[in-house]
């Protein structure tokens, strides 16, 4: 999958998931917490770099998020 786009390798509950940035959503509340490291404008969206459980991940988002902001994440169901 990494040949076609950036892929996040995330460990959640002893399970390793490979997810594209668009498969991880920033939501109002969840048990998955992350901290924003940086935000990059990519034209139609922001690529948000963050730390989740000491793992660097990337998420697509519609709005800028300030560095050190705490956010909550939701994983899109993979079919």
PDB file of N, CA and C in Angstrom:
ATOM      1  N   UNK A   1       0.817  -1.196   0.000  1.00  0.00           N
ATOM      2  CA  UNK A   1       0.000   0.000   0.000  1.00  0.00           C
ATOM      3  C   UNK A   1       0.860   1.259   0.000  1.00  0.00           C
ATOM      4  N   UNK A   2       2.016   1.208   0.614  1.00  0.00           N
ATOM      5  CA  UNK A   2       2.868   2.392   0.711  1.00  0.00           C
ATOM      6  C   UNK A   2       3.405   2.839  -0.650  1.00  0.00           C
ATOM      7  N   UNK A   3       3.338   2.004  -1.650  1.00  0.00           N
ATOM      8  CA  UNK A   3       3.801   2.382  -2.983  1.00  0.00           C
ATOM      9  C   UNK A   3       2.921   3.450  -3.607  1.00  0.00           C
ATOM     10  N   UNK A   4       1.653   3.498  -3.227  1.00  0.00           N
ATOM     11  CA  UNK A   4       0.689   4.389  -3.859  1.00  0.00           C
ATOM     12  C   UNK A   4       0.440   5.673  -3.088  1.00  0.00           C
ATOM     13  N   UNK A   5       0.718   5.700  -1.807  1.00  0.00           N
ATOM     14  CA  UNK A   5       0.446   6.878  -0.988  1.00  0.00           C
ATOM     15  C   UNK A   5       1.097   6.688   0.373  1.00  0.00           C
ATOM     16  N   UNK A   6       1.100   7.758   1.180  1.00  0.00           N
ATOM     17  CA  UNK A   6       1.602   7.648   2.541  1.00  0.00           C
ATOM     18  C   UNK A   6       0.679   6.734   3.345  1.00  0.00           C
ATOM     19  N   UNK A   7       1.259   5.856   4.130  1.00  0.00           N
ATOM     20  CA  UNK A   7       0.482   4.924   4.937  1.00  0.00           C
ATOM     21  C   UNK A   7       0.937   5.036   6.382  1.00  0.00           C
ATOM     22  N   UNK A   8      -0.045   5.061   7.279  1.00  0.00           N
ATOM     23  CA  UNK A   8       0.228   5.062   8.708  1.00  0.00           C
ATOM     24  C   UNK A   8       0.222   3.635   9.216  1.00  0.00           C
ATOM     25  N   UNK A   9       1.201   3.292  10.015  1.00  0.00           N
ATOM     26  CA  UNK A   9       1.210   1.996  10.693  1.00  0.00           C
ATOM     27  C   UNK A   9       0.923   2.297  12.164  1.00  0.00           C
ATOM     28  N   UNK A  10      -0.267   1.911  12.613  1.00  0.00           N
ATOM     29  CA  UNK A  10      -0.737   2.272  13.945  1.00  0.00           C
ATOM     30  C   UNK A  10      -1.023   1.014  14.753  1.00  0.00           C
ATOM     31  N   UNK A  11      -0.541   1.022  15.982  1.00  0.00           N
ATOM     32  CA  UNK A  11      -0.843  -0.081  16.902  1.00  0.00           C
ATOM     33  C   UNK A  11      -1.949   0.363  17.834  1.00  0.00           C
ATOM     34  N   UNK A  12      -3.076  -0.354  17.776  1.00  0.00           N
ATOM     35  CA  UNK A  12      -4.225  -0.089  18.640  1.00  0.00           C
ATOM     36  C   UNK A  12      -4.645  -1.406  19.268  1.00  0.00           C
ATOM     37  N   UNK A  13      -4.658  -1.436  20.591  1.00  0.00           N
ATOM     38  CA  UNK A  13      -5.071  -2.638  21.320  1.00  0.00           C
ATOM     39  C   UNK A  13      -4.342  -3.887  20.837  1.00  0.00           C
ATOM     40  N   UNK A  14      -3.016  -3.790  20.767  1.00  0.00           N
ATOM     41  CA  UNK A  14      -2.176  -4.932  20.382  1.00  0.00           C
ATOM     42  C   UNK A  14      -2.362  -5.370  18.933  1.00  0.00           C
ATOM     43  N   UNK A  15      -3.062  -4.573  18.138  1.00  0.00           N
ATOM     44  CA  UNK A  15      -3.291  -4.886  16.729  1.00  0.00           C
ATOM     45  C   UNK A  15      -2.624  -3.803  15.884  1.00  0.00           C
ATOM     46  N   UNK A  16      -1.913  -4.188  14.845  1.00  0.00           N
ATOM     47  CA  UNK A  16      -1.270  -3.230  13.952  1.00  0.00           C
ATOM     48  C   UNK A  16      -2.141  -3.027  12.720  1.00  0.00           C
ATOM     49  N   UNK A  17      -2.451  -1.758  12.446  1.00  0.00           N
ATOM     50  CA  UNK A  17      -3.274  -1.407  11.294  1.00  0.00           C
ATOM     51  C   UNK A  17      -2.461  -0.567  10.324  1.00  0.00           C
ATOM     52  N   UNK A  18      -2.654  -0.777   9.039  1.00  0.00           N
ATOM     53  CA  UNK A  18      -2.083   0.065   7.993  1.00  0.00           C
ATOM     54  C   UNK A  18      -3.218   0.903   7.427  1.00  0.00           C
ATOM     55  N   UNK A  19      -3.130   2.222   7.614  1.00  0.00           N
ATOM     56  CA  UNK A  19      -4.226   3.104   7.234  1.00  0.00           C
ATOM     57  C   UNK A  19      -3.714   4.297   6.443  1.00  0.00           C
ATOM     58  N   UNK A  20      -4.445   4.678   5.415  1.00  0.00           N
ATOM     59  CA  UNK A  20      -4.160   5.908   4.696  1.00  0.00           C
ATOM     60  C   UNK A  20      -4.593   7.093   5.554  1.00  0.00           C
ATOM     61  N   UNK A  21      -4.008   8.271   5.343  1.00  0.00           N
ATOM     62  CA  UNK A  21      -4.387   9.436   6.144  1.00  0.00           C
ATOM     63  C   UNK A  21      -5.875   9.770   6.101  1.00  0.00           C
ATOM     64  N   UNK A  22      -6.550   9.514   4.985  1.00  0.00           N
ATOM     65  CA  UNK A  22      -7.981   9.833   4.895  1.00  0.00           C
ATOM     66  C   UNK A  22      -8.855   8.836   5.660  1.00  0.00           C
ATOM     67  N   UNK A  23      -8.285   7.733   6.123  1.00  0.00           N
ATOM     68  CA  UNK A  23      -9.057   6.742   6.875  1.00  0.00           C
ATOM     69  C   UNK A  23      -9.090   7.045   8.379  1.00  0.00           C
ATOM     70  N   UNK A  24      -8.393   8.093   8.793  1.00  0.00           N
ATOM     71  CA  UNK A  24      -8.382   8.496  10.190  1.00  0.00           C
ATOM     72  C   UNK A  24      -9.063   9.855  10.265  1.00  0.00           C
ATOM     73  N   UNK A  25     -10.106   9.954  11.068  1.00  0.00           N
ATOM     74  CA  UNK A  25     -10.886  11.184  11.178  1.00  0.00           C
ATOM     75  C   UNK A  25     -10.645  11.849  12.524  1.00  0.00           C
ATOM     76  N   UNK A  26     -10.637  13.156  12.529  1.00  0.00           N
ATOM     77  CA  UNK A  26     -10.588  13.931  13.761  1.00  0.00           C
ATOM     78  C   UNK A  26     -12.033  14.187  14.172  1.00  0.00           C
ATOM     79  N   UNK A  27     -12.367  13.789  15.395  1.00  0.00           N
ATOM     80  CA  UNK A  27     -13.744  13.886  15.883  1.00  0.00           C
ATOM     81  C   UNK A  27     -13.785  14.678  17.182  1.00  0.00           C
ATOM     82  N   UNK A  28     -15.003  14.955  17.656  1.00  0.00           N
ATOM     83  CA  UNK A  28     -15.172  15.735  18.874  1.00  0.00           C
ATOM     84  C   UNK A  28     -14.680  15.008  20.117  1.00  0.00           C
ATOM     85  N   UNK A  29     -14.936  13.696  20.187  1.00  0.00           N
ATOM     86  CA  UNK A  29     -14.463  12.928  21.342  1.00  0.00           C
ATOM     87  C   UNK A  29     -14.336  11.451  20.974  1.00  0.00           C
ATOM     88  N   UNK A  30     -13.294  10.821  21.486  1.00  0.00           N
ATOM     89  CA  UNK A  30     -13.123   9.364  21.403  1.00  0.00           C
ATOM     90  C   UNK A  30     -12.054   8.976  22.421  1.00  0.00           C
ATOM     91  N   UNK A  31     -11.788   7.715  22.518  1.00  0.00           N
ATOM     92  CA  UNK A  31     -10.751   7.245  23.442  1.00  0.00           C
ATOM     93  C   UNK A  31      -9.357   7.335  22.826  1.00  0.00           C
ATOM     94  N   UNK A  32      -9.274   7.594  21.532  1.00  0.00           N
ATOM     95  CA  UNK A  32      -7.995   7.716  20.841  1.00  0.00           C
ATOM     96  C   UNK A  32      -7.581   9.191  20.820  1.00  0.00           C
ATOM     97  N   UNK A  33      -6.540   9.535  21.575  1.00  0.00           N
ATOM     98  CA  UNK A  33      -6.080  10.922  21.680  1.00  0.00           C
ATOM     99  C   UNK A  33      -4.730  11.080  20.983  1.00  0.00           C
ATOM    100  N   UNK A  34      -4.552  12.232  20.354  1.00  0.00           N
ATOM    101  CA  UNK A  34      -3.282  12.536  19.683  1.00  0.00           C
ATOM    102  C   UNK A  34      -2.955  14.013  19.889  1.00  0.00           C
ATOM    103  N   UNK A  35      -1.696  14.374  19.626  1.00  0.00           N
ATOM    104  CA  UNK A  35      -1.242  15.759  19.752  1.00  0.00           C
ATOM    105  C   UNK A  35      -0.657  16.191  18.405  1.00  0.00           C
ATOM    106  N   UNK A  36      -1.070  17.357  17.944  1.00  0.00           N
ATOM    107  CA  UNK A  36      -0.626  17.896  16.655  1.00  0.00           C
ATOM    108  C   UNK A  36       0.838  18.329  16.740  1.00  0.00           C
ATOM    109  N   UNK A  37       1.627  17.889  15.765  1.00  0.00           N
ATOM    110  CA  UNK A  37       3.028  18.291  15.648  1.00  0.00           C
ATOM    111  C   UNK A  37       3.167  19.416  14.631  1.00  0.00           C
ATOM    112  N   UNK A  38       2.461  19.272  13.497  1.00  0.00           N
ATOM    113  CA  UNK A  38       2.587  20.244  12.413  1.00  0.00           C
ATOM    114  C   UNK A  38       1.390  20.115  11.493  1.00  0.00           C
ATOM    115  N   UNK A  39       1.167  21.131  10.656  1.00  0.00           N
ATOM    116  CA  UNK A  39       0.086  21.103   9.673  1.00  0.00           C
ATOM    117  C   UNK A  39       0.619  21.644   8.354  1.00  0.00           C
ATOM    118  N   UNK A  40       0.325  20.957   7.273  1.00  0.00           N
ATOM    119  CA  UNK A  40       0.803  21.329   5.943  1.00  0.00           C
ATOM    120  C   UNK A  40      -0.399  21.513   5.024  1.00  0.00           C
ATOM    121  N   UNK A  41      -0.498  22.678   4.379  1.00  0.00           N
ATOM    122  CA  UNK A  41      -1.601  22.921   3.457  1.00  0.00           C
ATOM    123  C   UNK A  41      -1.301  22.235   2.129  1.00  0.00           C
ATOM    124  N   UNK A  42      -2.223  21.418   1.655  1.00  0.00           N
ATOM    125  CA  UNK A  42      -2.022  20.646   0.424  1.00  0.00           C
ATOM    126  C   UNK A  42      -2.987  21.048  -0.684  1.00  0.00           C
ATOM    127  N   UNK A  43      -3.542  22.249  -0.626  1.00  0.00           N
ATOM    128  CA  UNK A  43      -4.447  22.709  -1.680  1.00  0.00           C
ATOM    129  C   UNK A  43      -5.899  22.545  -1.290  1.00  0.00           C
ATOM    130  N   UNK A  44      -6.409  21.329  -1.296  1.00  0.00           N
ATOM    131  CA  UNK A  44      -7.808  21.076  -0.946  1.00  0.00           C
ATOM    132  C   UNK A  44      -8.003  20.593   0.480  1.00  0.00           C
ATOM    133  N   UNK A  45      -6.925  20.388   1.207  1.00  0.00           N
ATOM    134  CA  UNK A  45      -7.030  19.884   2.582  1.00  0.00           C
ATOM    135  C   UNK A  45      -5.732  20.181   3.325  1.00  0.00           C
ATOM    136  N   UNK A  46      -5.739  19.964   4.614  1.00  0.00           N
ATOM    137  CA  UNK A  46      -4.546  20.074   5.453  1.00  0.00           C
ATOM    138  C   UNK A  46      -4.070  18.672   5.783  1.00  0.00           C
ATOM    139  N   UNK A  47      -2.768  18.455   5.697  1.00  0.00           N
ATOM    140  CA  UNK A  47      -2.160  17.206   6.148  1.00  0.00           C
ATOM    141  C   UNK A  47      -1.635  17.483   7.545  1.00  0.00           C
ATOM    142  N   UNK A  48      -2.247  16.841   8.534  1.00  0.00           N
ATOM    143  CA  UNK A  48      -1.912  17.080   9.931  1.00  0.00           C
ATOM    144  C   UNK A  48      -0.964  15.982  10.402  1.00  0.00           C
ATOM    145  N   UNK A  49       0.214  16.383  10.840  1.00  0.00           N
ATOM    146  CA  UNK A  49       1.192  15.456  11.405  1.00  0.00           C
ATOM    147  C   UNK A  49       0.968  15.444  12.911  1.00  0.00           C
ATOM    148  N   UNK A  50       0.856  14.252  13.492  1.00  0.00           N
ATOM    149  CA  UNK A  50       0.587  14.174  14.921  1.00  0.00           C
ATOM    150  C   UNK A  50       1.240  12.968  15.561  1.00  0.00           C
ATOM    151  N   UNK A  51       1.252  12.983  16.883  1.00  0.00           N
ATOM    152  CA  UNK A  51       1.746  11.857  17.666  1.00  0.00           C
ATOM    153  C   UNK A  51       0.566  11.162  18.324  1.00  0.00           C
ATOM    154  N   UNK A  52       0.454   9.888  18.067  1.00  0.00           N
ATOM    155  CA  UNK A  52      -0.542   9.051  18.729  1.00  0.00           C
ATOM    156  C   UNK A  52       0.216   7.918  19.408  1.00  0.00           C
ATOM    157  N   UNK A  53       0.144   7.862  20.727  1.00  0.00           N
ATOM    158  CA  UNK A  53       0.773   6.758  21.460  1.00  0.00           C
ATOM    159  C   UNK A  53       2.256   6.620  21.083  1.00  0.00           C
ATOM    160  N   UNK A  54       2.969   7.748  21.012  1.00  0.00           N
ATOM    161  CA  UNK A  54       4.386   7.802  20.638  1.00  0.00           C
ATOM    162  C   UNK A  54       4.653   7.326  19.217  1.00  0.00           C
ATOM    163  N   UNK A  55       3.637   7.354  18.365  1.00  0.00           N
ATOM    164  CA  UNK A  55       3.763   6.984  16.961  1.00  0.00           C
ATOM    165  C   UNK A  55       3.414   8.205  16.108  1.00  0.00           C
ATOM    166  N   UNK A  56       4.261   8.537  15.148  1.00  0.00           N
ATOM    167  CA  UNK A  56       3.968   9.654  14.246  1.00  0.00           C
ATOM    168  C   UNK A  56       2.987   9.176  13.185  1.00  0.00           C
ATOM    169  N   UNK A  57       1.884   9.920  13.029  1.00  0.00           N
ATOM    170  CA  UNK A  57       0.881   9.578  12.014  1.00  0.00           C
ATOM    171  C   UNK A  57       0.482  10.849  11.262  1.00  0.00           C
ATOM    172  N   UNK A  58      -0.157  10.656  10.109  1.00  0.00           N
ATOM    173  CA  UNK A  58      -0.638  11.753   9.277  1.00  0.00           C
ATOM    174  C   UNK A  58      -2.125  11.566   9.023  1.00  0.00           C
ATOM    175  N   UNK A  59      -2.855  12.686   9.071  1.00  0.00           N
ATOM    176  CA  UNK A  59      -4.311  12.664   8.910  1.00  0.00           C
ATOM    177  C   UNK A  59      -4.710  13.802   7.976  1.00  0.00           C
ATOM    178  N   UNK A  60      -5.659  13.558   7.082  1.00  0.00           N
ATOM    179  CA  UNK A  60      -6.219  14.629   6.258  1.00  0.00           C
ATOM    180  C   UNK A  60      -7.305  15.322   7.068  1.00  0.00           C
ATOM    181  N   UNK A  61      -7.354  16.661   6.972  1.00  0.00           N
ATOM    182  CA  UNK A  61      -8.372  17.419   7.699  1.00  0.00           C
ATOM    183  C   UNK A  61      -8.723  18.659   6.880  1.00  0.00           C
ATOM    184  N   UNK A  62      -9.942  19.158   7.060  1.00  0.00           N
ATOM    185  CA  UNK A  62     -10.401  20.320   6.294  1.00  0.00           C
ATOM    186  C   UNK A  62      -9.894  21.651   6.825  1.00  0.00           C
ATOM    187  N   UNK A  63      -9.417  21.669   8.068  1.00  0.00           N
ATOM    188  CA  UNK A  63      -9.026  22.924   8.700  1.00  0.00           C
ATOM    189  C   UNK A  63      -7.630  22.832   9.312  1.00  0.00           C
ATOM    190  N   UNK A  64      -7.009  23.993   9.449  1.00  0.00           N
ATOM    191  CA  UNK A  64      -5.719  24.102  10.120  1.00  0.00           C
ATOM    192  C   UNK A  64      -5.892  23.769  11.602  1.00  0.00           C
ATOM    193  N   UNK A  65      -4.923  23.051  12.177  1.00  0.00           N
ATOM    194  CA  UNK A  65      -4.893  22.787  13.617  1.00  0.00           C
ATOM    195  C   UNK A  65      -3.548  23.253  14.152  1.00  0.00           C
ATOM    196  N   UNK A  66      -3.579  23.970  15.250  1.00  0.00           N
ATOM    197  CA  UNK A  66      -2.370  24.533  15.825  1.00  0.00           C
ATOM    198  C   UNK A  66      -1.492  23.452  16.446  1.00  0.00           C
ATOM    199  N   UNK A  67      -0.181  23.687  16.396  1.00  0.00           N
ATOM    200  CA  UNK A  67       0.787  22.800  17.030  1.00  0.00           C
ATOM    201  C   UNK A  67       0.464  22.655  18.511  1.00  0.00           C
ATOM    202  N   UNK A  68       0.634  21.453  19.024  1.00  0.00           N
ATOM    203  CA  UNK A  68       0.387  21.083  20.422  1.00  0.00           C
ATOM    204  C   UNK A  68      -1.093  20.971  20.775  1.00  0.00           C
ATOM    205  N   UNK A  69      -1.994  21.103  19.790  1.00  0.00           N
ATOM    206  CA  UNK A  69      -3.417  20.893  20.047  1.00  0.00           C
ATOM    207  C   UNK A  69      -3.663  19.420  20.307  1.00  0.00           C
ATOM    208  N   UNK A  70      -4.530  19.131  21.265  1.00  0.00           N
ATOM    209  CA  UNK A  70      -4.931  17.743  21.510  1.00  0.00           C
ATOM    210  C   UNK A  70      -6.197  17.476  20.706  1.00  0.00           C
ATOM    211  N   UNK A  71      -6.217  16.350  20.008  1.00  0.00           N
ATOM    212  CA  UNK A  71      -7.373  15.981  19.194  1.00  0.00           C
ATOM    213  C   UNK A  71      -7.767  14.537  19.495  1.00  0.00           C
ATOM    214  N   UNK A  72      -8.967  14.200  19.091  1.00  0.00           N
ATOM    215  CA  UNK A  72      -9.475  12.838  19.239  1.00  0.00           C
ATOM    216  C   UNK A  72      -9.635  12.235  17.848  1.00  0.00           C
ATOM    217  N   UNK A  73      -9.352  10.954  17.746  1.00  0.00           N
ATOM    218  CA  UNK A  73      -9.356  10.276  16.443  1.00  0.00           C
ATOM    219  C   UNK A  73     -10.391   9.167  16.376  1.00  0.00           C
ATOM    220  N   UNK A  74     -10.833   8.923  15.169  1.00  0.00           N
ATOM    221  CA  UNK A  74     -11.723   7.794  14.883  1.00  0.00           C
ATOM    222  C   UNK A  74     -11.185   7.097  13.638  1.00  0.00           C
ATOM    223  N   UNK A  75     -11.121   5.795  13.684  1.00  0.00           N
ATOM    224  CA  UNK A  75     -10.637   5.007  12.542  1.00  0.00           C
ATOM    225  C   UNK A  75     -11.814   4.625  11.673  1.00  0.00           C
ATOM    226  N   UNK A  76     -11.703   4.926  10.385  1.00  0.00           N
ATOM    227  CA  UNK A  76     -12.736   4.535   9.436  1.00  0.00           C
ATOM    228  C   UNK A  76     -12.741   3.028   9.304  1.00  0.00           C
ATOM    229  N   UNK A  77     -13.909   2.442   9.273  1.00  0.00           N
ATOM    230  CA  UNK A  77     -13.993   0.986   9.135  1.00  0.00           C
ATOM    231  C   UNK A  77     -13.400   0.550   7.806  1.00  0.00           C
ATOM    232  N   UNK A  78     -12.495  -0.416   7.892  1.00  0.00           N
ATOM    233  CA  UNK A  78     -11.827  -0.940   6.706  1.00  0.00           C
ATOM    234  C   UNK A  78     -12.585  -2.179   6.261  1.00  0.00           C
ATOM    235  N   UNK A  79     -12.985  -2.176   4.983  1.00  0.00           N
ATOM    236  CA  UNK A  79     -13.747  -3.341   4.473  1.00  0.00           C
ATOM    237  C   UNK A  79     -12.899  -4.190   3.581  1.00  0.00           C
TER     238      UNK A  79
END
